[in-house]
Amino acid sequence: MVLTLYHSPISPNSRRVWITLLEKGLDFELVEIKLDGEQFKPEFLAISPFHHIPALVDDGFSVVESLAILDYLEAKYPTPAMCLKMPRI
């Protein structure tokens, strides 16, 4: 199973997801969405109904919005952890 990240290289939100995928060592495919109208095509709207990038597809399941994608990746692929847990005092 390969994850697919729909992104735009100029998007900082796309880059944060891309970096997380790399740091977690996950296999993924990058699909560039050109923000010249490509984000409004029916094929992409089926993945991201509000035409937002980044969007991640994992085995037919779509997640949009970078923070939601990061939460999803951390829950499904917890190792290595990308967040620091604060020690209890």
PDB file of N, CA and C in Angstrom:
ATOM      1  N   MET A   1       0.845  -1.175   0.000  1.00  0.00           N
ATOM      2  CA  MET A   1       0.000   0.000   0.000  1.00  0.00           C
ATOM      3  C   MET A   1       0.890   1.238   0.000  1.00  0.00           C
ATOM      4  N   VAL A   2       0.578   2.172  -0.870  1.00  0.00           N
ATOM      5  CA  VAL A   2       1.352   3.402  -0.975  1.00  0.00           C
ATOM      6  C   VAL A   2       0.444   4.584  -0.665  1.00  0.00           C
ATOM      7  N   LEU A   3       0.950   5.479   0.141  1.00  0.00           N
ATOM      8  CA  LEU A   3       0.247   6.725   0.430  1.00  0.00           C
ATOM      9  C   LEU A   3       0.446   7.668  -0.751  1.00  0.00           C
ATOM     10  N   THR A   4      -0.535   8.508  -1.006  1.00  0.00           N
ATOM     11  CA  THR A   4      -0.419   9.504  -2.071  1.00  0.00           C
ATOM     12  C   THR A   4      -0.656  10.873  -1.454  1.00  0.00           C
ATOM     13  N   LEU A   5       0.325  11.765  -1.644  1.00  0.00           N
ATOM     14  CA  LEU A   5       0.224  13.131  -1.158  1.00  0.00           C
ATOM     15  C   LEU A   5       0.006  14.060  -2.341  1.00  0.00           C
ATOM     16  N   TYR A   6      -1.138  14.720  -2.360  1.00  0.00           N
ATOM     17  CA  TYR A   6      -1.436  15.740  -3.358  1.00  0.00           C
ATOM     18  C   TYR A   6      -0.972  17.059  -2.765  1.00  0.00           C
ATOM     19  N   HIS A   7      -0.096  17.748  -3.472  1.00  0.00           N
ATOM     20  CA  HIS A   7       0.570  18.906  -2.888  1.00  0.00           C
ATOM     21  C   HIS A   7       0.882  19.966  -3.939  1.00  0.00           C
ATOM     22  N   SER A   8       1.330  21.097  -3.426  1.00  0.00           N
ATOM     23  CA  SER A   8       1.899  22.150  -4.253  1.00  0.00           C
ATOM     24  C   SER A   8       3.241  22.506  -3.625  1.00  0.00           C
ATOM     25  N   PRO A   9       4.310  22.526  -4.408  1.00  0.00           N
ATOM     26  CA  PRO A   9       5.636  22.798  -3.846  1.00  0.00           C
ATOM     27  C   PRO A   9       5.748  24.152  -3.137  1.00  0.00           C
ATOM     28  N   ILE A  10       4.906  25.117  -3.494  1.00  0.00           N
ATOM     29  CA  ILE A  10       5.002  26.436  -2.853  1.00  0.00           C
ATOM     30  C   ILE A  10       4.224  26.517  -1.549  1.00  0.00           C
ATOM     31  N   SER A  11       3.544  25.442  -1.185  1.00  0.00           N
ATOM     32  CA  SER A  11       2.707  25.443   0.012  1.00  0.00           C
ATOM     33  C   SER A  11       3.495  24.976   1.236  1.00  0.00           C
ATOM     34  N   PRO A  12       3.651  25.843   2.251  1.00  0.00           N
ATOM     35  CA  PRO A  12       4.326  25.404   3.482  1.00  0.00           C
ATOM     36  C   PRO A  12       3.571  24.274   4.173  1.00  0.00           C
ATOM     37  N   ASN A  13       2.249  24.264   4.070  1.00  0.00           N
ATOM     38  CA  ASN A  13       1.465  23.191   4.675  1.00  0.00           C
ATOM     39  C   ASN A  13       1.738  21.851   3.984  1.00  0.00           C
ATOM     40  N   SER A  14       1.910  21.882   2.677  1.00  0.00           N
ATOM     41  CA  SER A  14       2.274  20.662   1.954  1.00  0.00           C
ATOM     42  C   SER A  14       3.646  20.171   2.386  1.00  0.00           C
ATOM     43  N   ARG A  15       4.571  21.103   2.553  1.00  0.00           N
ATOM     44  CA  ARG A  15       5.941  20.722   2.927  1.00  0.00           C
ATOM     45  C   ARG A  15       5.987  20.081   4.307  1.00  0.00           C
ATOM     46  N   ARG A  16       5.179  20.558   5.255  1.00  0.00           N
ATOM     47  CA  ARG A  16       5.218  19.959   6.598  1.00  0.00           C
ATOM     48  C   ARG A  16       4.745  18.506   6.556  1.00  0.00           C
ATOM     49  N   VAL A  17       3.768  18.201   5.714  1.00  0.00           N
ATOM     50  CA  VAL A  17       3.320  16.814   5.581  1.00  0.00           C
ATOM     51  C   VAL A  17       4.387  15.990   4.865  1.00  0.00           C
ATOM     52  N   TRP A  18       4.964  16.541   3.826  1.00  0.00           N
ATOM     53  CA  TRP A  18       6.015  15.864   3.047  1.00  0.00           C
ATOM     54  C   TRP A  18       7.179  15.499   3.970  1.00  0.00           C
ATOM     55  N   ILE A  19       7.624  16.432   4.782  1.00  0.00           N
ATOM     56  CA  ILE A  19       8.733  16.184   5.710  1.00  0.00           C
ATOM     57  C   ILE A  19       8.370  15.088   6.712  1.00  0.00           C
ATOM     58  N   THR A  20       7.146  15.115   7.213  1.00  0.00           N
ATOM     59  CA  THR A  20       6.709  14.077   8.155  1.00  0.00           C
ATOM     60  C   THR A  20       6.732  12.707   7.503  1.00  0.00           C
ATOM     61  N   LEU A  21       6.252  12.607   6.272  1.00  0.00           N
ATOM     62  CA  LEU A  21       6.293  11.328   5.560  1.00  0.00           C
ATOM     63  C   LEU A  21       7.731  10.834   5.405  1.00  0.00           C
ATOM     64  N   LEU A  22       8.637  11.752   5.065  1.00  0.00           N
ATOM     65  CA  LEU A  22      10.051  11.377   4.929  1.00  0.00           C
ATOM     66  C   LEU A  22      10.641  10.941   6.264  1.00  0.00           C
ATOM     67  N   GLU A  23      10.386  11.699   7.318  1.00  0.00           N
ATOM     68  CA  GLU A  23      10.936  11.390   8.643  1.00  0.00           C
ATOM     69  C   GLU A  23      10.413  10.061   9.185  1.00  0.00           C
ATOM     70  N   LYS A  24       9.173   9.734   8.856  1.00  0.00           N
ATOM     71  CA  LYS A  24       8.607   8.470   9.316  1.00  0.00           C
ATOM     72  C   LYS A  24       9.048   7.300   8.440  1.00  0.00           C
ATOM     73  N   GLY A  25       9.718   7.589   7.328  1.00  0.00           N
ATOM     74  CA  GLY A  25      10.199   6.538   6.447  1.00  0.00           C
ATOM     75  C   GLY A  25       9.099   5.804   5.708  1.00  0.00           C
ATOM     76  N   LEU A  26       8.006   6.495   5.431  1.00  0.00           N
ATOM     77  CA  LEU A  26       6.863   5.876   4.752  1.00  0.00           C
ATOM     78  C   LEU A  26       7.015   5.970   3.237  1.00  0.00           C
ATOM     79  N   ASP A  27       6.563   4.932   2.542  1.00  0.00           N
ATOM     80  CA  ASP A  27       6.521   4.971   1.086  1.00  0.00           C
ATOM     81  C   ASP A  27       5.341   5.833   0.671  1.00  0.00           C
ATOM     82  N   PHE A  28       5.598   6.766  -0.225  1.00  0.00           N
ATOM     83  CA  PHE A  28       4.510   7.623  -0.685  1.00  0.00           C
ATOM     84  C   PHE A  28       4.799   8.122  -2.084  1.00  0.00           C
ATOM     85  N   GLU A  29       3.729   8.498  -2.739  1.00  0.00           N
ATOM     86  CA  GLU A  29       3.801   9.073  -4.077  1.00  0.00           C
ATOM     87  C   GLU A  29       3.390  10.532  -3.966  1.00  0.00           C
ATOM     88  N   LEU A  30       4.122  11.388  -4.646  1.00  0.00           N
ATOM     89  CA  LEU A  30       3.782  12.815  -4.696  1.00  0.00           C
ATOM     90  C   LEU A  30       3.036  13.111  -5.987  1.00  0.00           C
ATOM     91  N   VAL A  31       1.935  13.813  -5.861  1.00  0.00           N
ATOM     92  CA  VAL A  31       1.193  14.278  -7.032  1.00  0.00           C
ATOM     93  C   VAL A  31       1.072  15.780  -6.898  1.00  0.00           C
ATOM     94  N   GLU A  32       1.705  16.490  -7.818  1.00  0.00           N
ATOM     95  CA  GLU A  32       1.662  17.956  -7.773  1.00  0.00           C
ATOM     96  C   GLU A  32       0.343  18.457  -8.338  1.00  0.00           C
ATOM     97  N   ILE A  33      -0.286  19.350  -7.588  1.00  0.00           N
ATOM     98  CA  ILE A  33      -1.498  20.024  -8.037  1.00  0.00           C
ATOM     99  C   ILE A  33      -1.106  21.465  -8.353  1.00  0.00           C
ATOM    100  N   LYS A  34      -1.237  21.822  -9.602  1.00  0.00           N
ATOM    101  CA  LYS A  34      -0.918  23.198 -10.009  1.00  0.00           C
ATOM    102  C   LYS A  34      -2.111  24.086  -9.643  1.00  0.00           C
ATOM    103  N   LEU A  35      -1.819  25.162  -8.975  1.00  0.00           N
ATOM    104  CA  LEU A  35      -2.880  26.048  -8.492  1.00  0.00           C
ATOM    105  C   LEU A  35      -3.331  27.044  -9.561  1.00  0.00           C
ATOM    106  N   ASP A  36      -3.398  26.560 -10.794  1.00  0.00           N
ATOM    107  CA  ASP A  36      -3.878  27.373 -11.909  1.00  0.00           C
ATOM    108  C   ASP A  36      -5.261  26.916 -12.359  1.00  0.00           C
ATOM    109  N   GLY A  37      -5.925  26.163 -11.483  1.00  0.00           N
ATOM    110  CA  GLY A  37      -7.245  25.645 -11.795  1.00  0.00           C
ATOM    111  C   GLY A  37      -7.324  24.139 -11.664  1.00  0.00           C
ATOM    112  N   GLU A  38      -6.157  23.486 -11.570  1.00  0.00           N
ATOM    113  CA  GLU A  38      -6.139  22.028 -11.424  1.00  0.00           C
ATOM    114  C   GLU A  38      -6.871  21.579 -10.162  1.00  0.00           C
ATOM    115  N   GLN A  39      -6.850  22.436  -9.124  1.00  0.00           N
ATOM    116  CA  GLN A  39      -7.496  22.079  -7.851  1.00  0.00           C
ATOM    117  C   GLN A  39      -9.024  22.041  -7.965  1.00  0.00           C
ATOM    118  N   PHE A  40      -9.567  22.508  -9.080  1.00  0.00           N
ATOM    119  CA  PHE A  40     -11.017  22.506  -9.273  1.00  0.00           C
ATOM    120  C   PHE A  40     -11.500  21.380 -10.189  1.00  0.00           C
ATOM    121  N   LYS A  41     -10.584  20.547 -10.664  1.00  0.00           N
ATOM    122  CA  LYS A  41     -10.973  19.448 -11.545  1.00  0.00           C
ATOM    123  C   LYS A  41     -11.732  18.392 -10.752  1.00  0.00           C
ATOM    124  N   PRO A  42     -12.710  17.763 -11.367  1.00  0.00           N
ATOM    125  CA  PRO A  42     -13.543  16.770 -10.671  1.00  0.00           C
ATOM    126  C   PRO A  42     -12.739  15.651  -9.997  1.00  0.00           C
ATOM    127  N   GLU A  43     -11.635  15.230 -10.629  1.00  0.00           N
ATOM    128  CA  GLU A  43     -10.831  14.152 -10.044  1.00  0.00           C
ATOM    129  C   GLU A  43     -10.255  14.567  -8.691  1.00  0.00           C
ATOM    130  N   PHE A  44      -9.803  15.820  -8.590  1.00  0.00           N
ATOM    131  CA  PHE A  44      -9.239  16.278  -7.325  1.00  0.00           C
ATOM    132  C   PHE A  44     -10.344  16.624  -6.330  1.00  0.00           C
ATOM    133  N   LEU A  45     -11.445  17.156  -6.800  1.00  0.00           N
ATOM    134  CA  LEU A  45     -12.562  17.477  -5.903  1.00  0.00           C
ATOM    135  C   LEU A  45     -13.140  16.220  -5.252  1.00  0.00           C
ATOM    136  N   ALA A  46     -12.996  15.066  -5.897  1.00  0.00           N
ATOM    137  CA  ALA A  46     -13.430  13.811  -5.289  1.00  0.00           C
ATOM    138  C   ALA A  46     -12.558  13.459  -4.077  1.00  0.00           C
ATOM    139  N   ILE A  47     -11.327  13.941  -4.063  1.00  0.00           N
ATOM    140  CA  ILE A  47     -10.391  13.697  -2.952  1.00  0.00           C
ATOM    141  C   ILE A  47     -10.509  14.800  -1.918  1.00  0.00           C
ATOM    142  N   SER A  48     -10.568  16.034  -2.388  1.00  0.00           N
ATOM    143  CA  SER A  48     -10.603  17.205  -1.518  1.00  0.00           C
ATOM    144  C   SER A  48     -11.767  18.104  -1.947  1.00  0.00           C
ATOM    145  N   PRO A  49     -12.964  17.871  -1.418  1.00  0.00           N
ATOM    146  CA  PRO A  49     -14.165  18.574  -1.892  1.00  0.00           C
ATOM    147  C   PRO A  49     -14.094  20.095  -1.813  1.00  0.00           C
ATOM    148  N   PHE A  50     -13.292  20.633  -0.905  1.00  0.00           N
ATOM    149  CA  PHE A  50     -13.155  22.088  -0.813  1.00  0.00           C
ATOM    150  C   PHE A  50     -11.898  22.583  -1.515  1.00  0.00           C
ATOM    151  N   HIS A  51     -11.332  21.730  -2.368  1.00  0.00           N
ATOM    152  CA  HIS A  51     -10.155  22.002  -3.196  1.00  0.00           C
ATOM    153  C   HIS A  51      -8.943  22.478  -2.394  1.00  0.00           C
ATOM    154  N   HIS A  52      -8.778  21.935  -1.185  1.00  0.00           N
ATOM    155  CA  HIS A  52      -7.631  22.300  -0.343  1.00  0.00           C
ATOM    156  C   HIS A  52      -6.464  21.361  -0.573  1.00  0.00           C
ATOM    157  N   ILE A  53      -5.277  21.925  -0.483  1.00  0.00           N
ATOM    158  CA  ILE A  53      -4.066  21.119  -0.458  1.00  0.00           C
ATOM    159  C   ILE A  53      -3.360  21.418   0.857  1.00  0.00           C
ATOM    160  N   PRO A  54      -2.638  20.496   1.396  1.00  0.00           N
ATOM    161  CA  PRO A  54      -2.406  19.153   0.891  1.00  0.00           C
ATOM    162  C   PRO A  54      -3.597  18.244   1.157  1.00  0.00           C
ATOM    163  N   ALA A  55      -3.589  17.131   0.438  1.00  0.00           N
ATOM    164  CA  ALA A  55      -4.559  16.061   0.670  1.00  0.00           C
ATOM    165  C   ALA A  55      -3.785  14.749   0.626  1.00  0.00           C
ATOM    166  N   LEU A  56      -4.120  13.852   1.523  1.00  0.00           N
ATOM    167  CA  LEU A  56      -3.455  12.557   1.601  1.00  0.00           C
ATOM    168  C   LEU A  56      -4.481  11.465   1.361  1.00  0.00           C
ATOM    169  N   VAL A  57      -4.122  10.502   0.517  1.00  0.00           N
ATOM    170  CA  VAL A  57      -4.974   9.345   0.288  1.00  0.00           C
ATOM    171  C   VAL A  57      -4.215   8.115   0.760  1.00  0.00           C
ATOM    172  N   ASP A  58      -4.866   7.355   1.645  1.00  0.00           N
ATOM    173  CA  ASP A  58      -4.294   6.141   2.209  1.00  0.00           C
ATOM    174  C   ASP A  58      -5.287   5.014   1.980  1.00  0.00           C
ATOM    175  N   ASP A  59      -4.996   4.188   0.985  1.00  0.00           N
ATOM    176  CA  ASP A  59      -5.849   3.043   0.674  1.00  0.00           C
ATOM    177  C   ASP A  59      -7.308   3.463   0.464  1.00  0.00           C
ATOM    178  N   GLY A  60      -7.504   4.526  -0.311  1.00  0.00           N
ATOM    179  CA  GLY A  60      -8.852   4.998  -0.634  1.00  0.00           C
ATOM    180  C   GLY A  60      -9.454   5.957   0.378  1.00  0.00           C
ATOM    181  N   PHE A  61      -8.791   6.143   1.521  1.00  0.00           N
ATOM    182  CA  PHE A  61      -9.274   7.056   2.562  1.00  0.00           C
ATOM    183  C   PHE A  61      -8.569   8.390   2.401  1.00  0.00           C
ATOM    184  N   SER A  62      -9.331   9.482   2.272  1.00  0.00           N
ATOM    185  CA  SER A  62      -8.759  10.811   2.063  1.00  0.00           C
ATOM    186  C   SER A  62      -8.777  11.629   3.340  1.00  0.00           C
ATOM    187  N   VAL A  63      -7.677  12.341   3.556  1.00  0.00           N
ATOM    188  CA  VAL A  63      -7.571  13.274   4.677  1.00  0.00           C
ATOM    189  C   VAL A  63      -7.081  14.590   4.094  1.00  0.00           C
ATOM    190  N   VAL A  64      -7.739  15.692   4.472  1.00  0.00           N
ATOM    191  CA  VAL A  64      -7.326  17.013   4.002  1.00  0.00           C
ATOM    192  C   VAL A  64      -6.986  17.887   5.201  1.00  0.00           C
ATOM    193  N   GLU A  65      -6.307  18.981   4.927  1.00  0.00           N
ATOM    194  CA  GLU A  65      -5.815  19.927   5.936  1.00  0.00           C
ATOM    195  C   GLU A  65      -4.565  19.348   6.601  1.00  0.00           C
ATOM    196  N   SER A  66      -3.491  20.100   6.587  1.00  0.00           N
ATOM    197  CA  SER A  66      -2.199  19.579   7.023  1.00  0.00           C
ATOM    198  C   SER A  66      -2.191  19.086   8.472  1.00  0.00           C
ATOM    199  N   LEU A  67      -2.822  19.801   9.380  1.00  0.00           N
ATOM    200  CA  LEU A  67      -2.803  19.366  10.781  1.00  0.00           C
ATOM    201  C   LEU A  67      -3.596  18.075  10.981  1.00  0.00           C
ATOM    202  N   ALA A  68      -4.688  17.929  10.267  1.00  0.00           N
ATOM    203  CA  ALA A  68      -5.455  16.684  10.330  1.00  0.00           C
ATOM    204  C   ALA A  68      -4.641  15.530   9.744  1.00  0.00           C
ATOM    205  N   ILE A  69      -3.918  15.799   8.667  1.00  0.00           N
ATOM    206  CA  ILE A  69      -3.070  14.764   8.067  1.00  0.00           C
ATOM    207  C   ILE A  69      -1.968  14.354   9.043  1.00  0.00           C
ATOM    208  N   LEU A  70      -1.348  15.335   9.702  1.00  0.00           N
ATOM    209  CA  LEU A  70      -0.290  15.016  10.669  1.00  0.00           C
ATOM    210  C   LEU A  70      -0.840  14.188  11.824  1.00  0.00           C
ATOM    211  N   ASP A  71      -2.013  14.531  12.328  1.00  0.00           N
ATOM    212  CA  ASP A  71      -2.649  13.735  13.390  1.00  0.00           C
ATOM    213  C   ASP A  71      -2.922  12.310  12.910  1.00  0.00           C
ATOM    214  N   TYR A  72      -3.432  12.193  11.701  1.00  0.00           N
ATOM    215  CA  TYR A  72      -3.731  10.882  11.131  1.00  0.00           C
ATOM    216  C   TYR A  72      -2.465  10.035  11.015  1.00  0.00           C
ATOM    217  N   LEU A  73      -1.402  10.635  10.469  1.00  0.00           N
ATOM    218  CA  LEU A  73      -0.149   9.894  10.304  1.00  0.00           C
ATOM    219  C   LEU A  73       0.416   9.456  11.647  1.00  0.00           C
ATOM    220  N   GLU A  74       0.332  10.323  12.639  1.00  0.00           N
ATOM    221  CA  GLU A  74       0.866   9.993  13.967  1.00  0.00           C
ATOM    222  C   GLU A  74       0.059   8.858  14.607  1.00  0.00           C
ATOM    223  N   ALA A  75      -1.249   8.854  14.402  1.00  0.00           N
ATOM    224  CA  ALA A  75      -2.091   7.804  14.979  1.00  0.00           C
ATOM    225  C   ALA A  75      -1.888   6.463  14.261  1.00  0.00           C
ATOM    226  N   LYS A  76      -1.800   6.506  12.943  1.00  0.00           N
ATOM    227  CA  LYS A  76      -1.697   5.254  12.185  1.00  0.00           C
ATOM    228  C   LYS A  76      -0.264   4.727  12.127  1.00  0.00           C
ATOM    229  N   TYR A  77       0.707   5.619  12.110  1.00  0.00           N
ATOM    230  CA  TYR A  77       2.115   5.236  12.003  1.00  0.00           C
ATOM    231  C   TYR A  77       2.885   5.902  13.148  1.00  0.00           C
ATOM    232  N   PRO A  78       2.743   5.403  14.369  1.00  0.00           N
ATOM    233  CA  PRO A  78       3.292   6.092  15.543  1.00  0.00           C
ATOM    234  C   PRO A  78       4.818   6.069  15.686  1.00  0.00           C
ATOM    235  N   THR A  79       5.495   5.215  14.920  1.00  0.00           N
ATOM    236  CA  THR A  79       6.945   5.122  15.063  1.00  0.00           C
ATOM    237  C   THR A  79       7.611   5.510  13.766  1.00  0.00           C
ATOM    238  N   PRO A  80       8.581   6.414  13.814  1.00  0.00           N
ATOM    239  CA  PRO A  80       9.011   7.200  14.975  1.00  0.00           C
ATOM    240  C   PRO A  80       8.012   8.317  15.277  1.00  0.00           C
ATOM    241  N   ALA A  81       7.928   8.648  16.544  1.00  0.00           N
ATOM    242  CA  ALA A  81       7.011   9.707  16.968  1.00  0.00           C
ATOM    243  C   ALA A  81       7.514  11.068  16.493  1.00  0.00           C
ATOM    244  N   MET A  82       6.613  11.878  16.017  1.00  0.00           N
ATOM    245  CA  MET A  82       6.990  13.203  15.530  1.00  0.00           C
ATOM    246  C   MET A  82       6.676  14.304  16.526  1.00  0.00           C
ATOM    247  N   CYS A  83       6.113  13.952  17.674  1.00  0.00           N
ATOM    248  CA  CYS A  83       5.808  14.984  18.653  1.00  0.00           C
ATOM    249  C   CYS A  83       6.497  14.630  19.966  1.00  0.00           C
ATOM    250  N   LEU A  84       6.868  15.649  20.674  1.00  0.00           N
ATOM    251  CA  LEU A  84       7.494  15.442  21.987  1.00  0.00           C
ATOM    252  C   LEU A  84       6.414  15.409  23.042  1.00  0.00           C
ATOM    253  N   LYS A  85       6.519  14.477  23.926  1.00  0.00           N
ATOM    254  CA  LYS A  85       5.575  14.403  25.030  1.00  0.00           C
ATOM    255  C   LYS A  85       6.232  15.057  26.232  1.00  0.00           C
ATOM    256  N   MET A  86       5.520  15.944  26.867  1.00  0.00           N
ATOM    257  CA  MET A  86       6.046  16.650  28.024  1.00  0.00           C
ATOM    258  C   MET A  86       6.022  15.716  29.237  1.00  0.00           C
ATOM    259  N   PRO A  87       7.094  15.684  30.007  1.00  0.00           N
ATOM    260  CA  PRO A  87       7.107  14.830  31.195  1.00  0.00           C
ATOM    261  C   PRO A  87       6.150  15.365  32.256  1.00  0.00           C
ATOM    262  N   ARG A  88       5.591  14.459  33.015  1.00  0.00           N
ATOM    263  CA  ARG A  88       4.723  14.876  34.123  1.00  0.00           C
ATOM    264  C   ARG A  88       5.576  15.376  35.264  1.00  0.00           C
ATOM    265  N   ILE A  89       5.090  16.381  35.909  1.00  0.00           N
ATOM    266  CA  ILE A  89       5.825  16.942  37.052  1.00  0.00           C
ATOM    267  C   ILE A  89       5.196  16.456  38.342  1.00  0.00           C
TER     268      ILE A  89
END
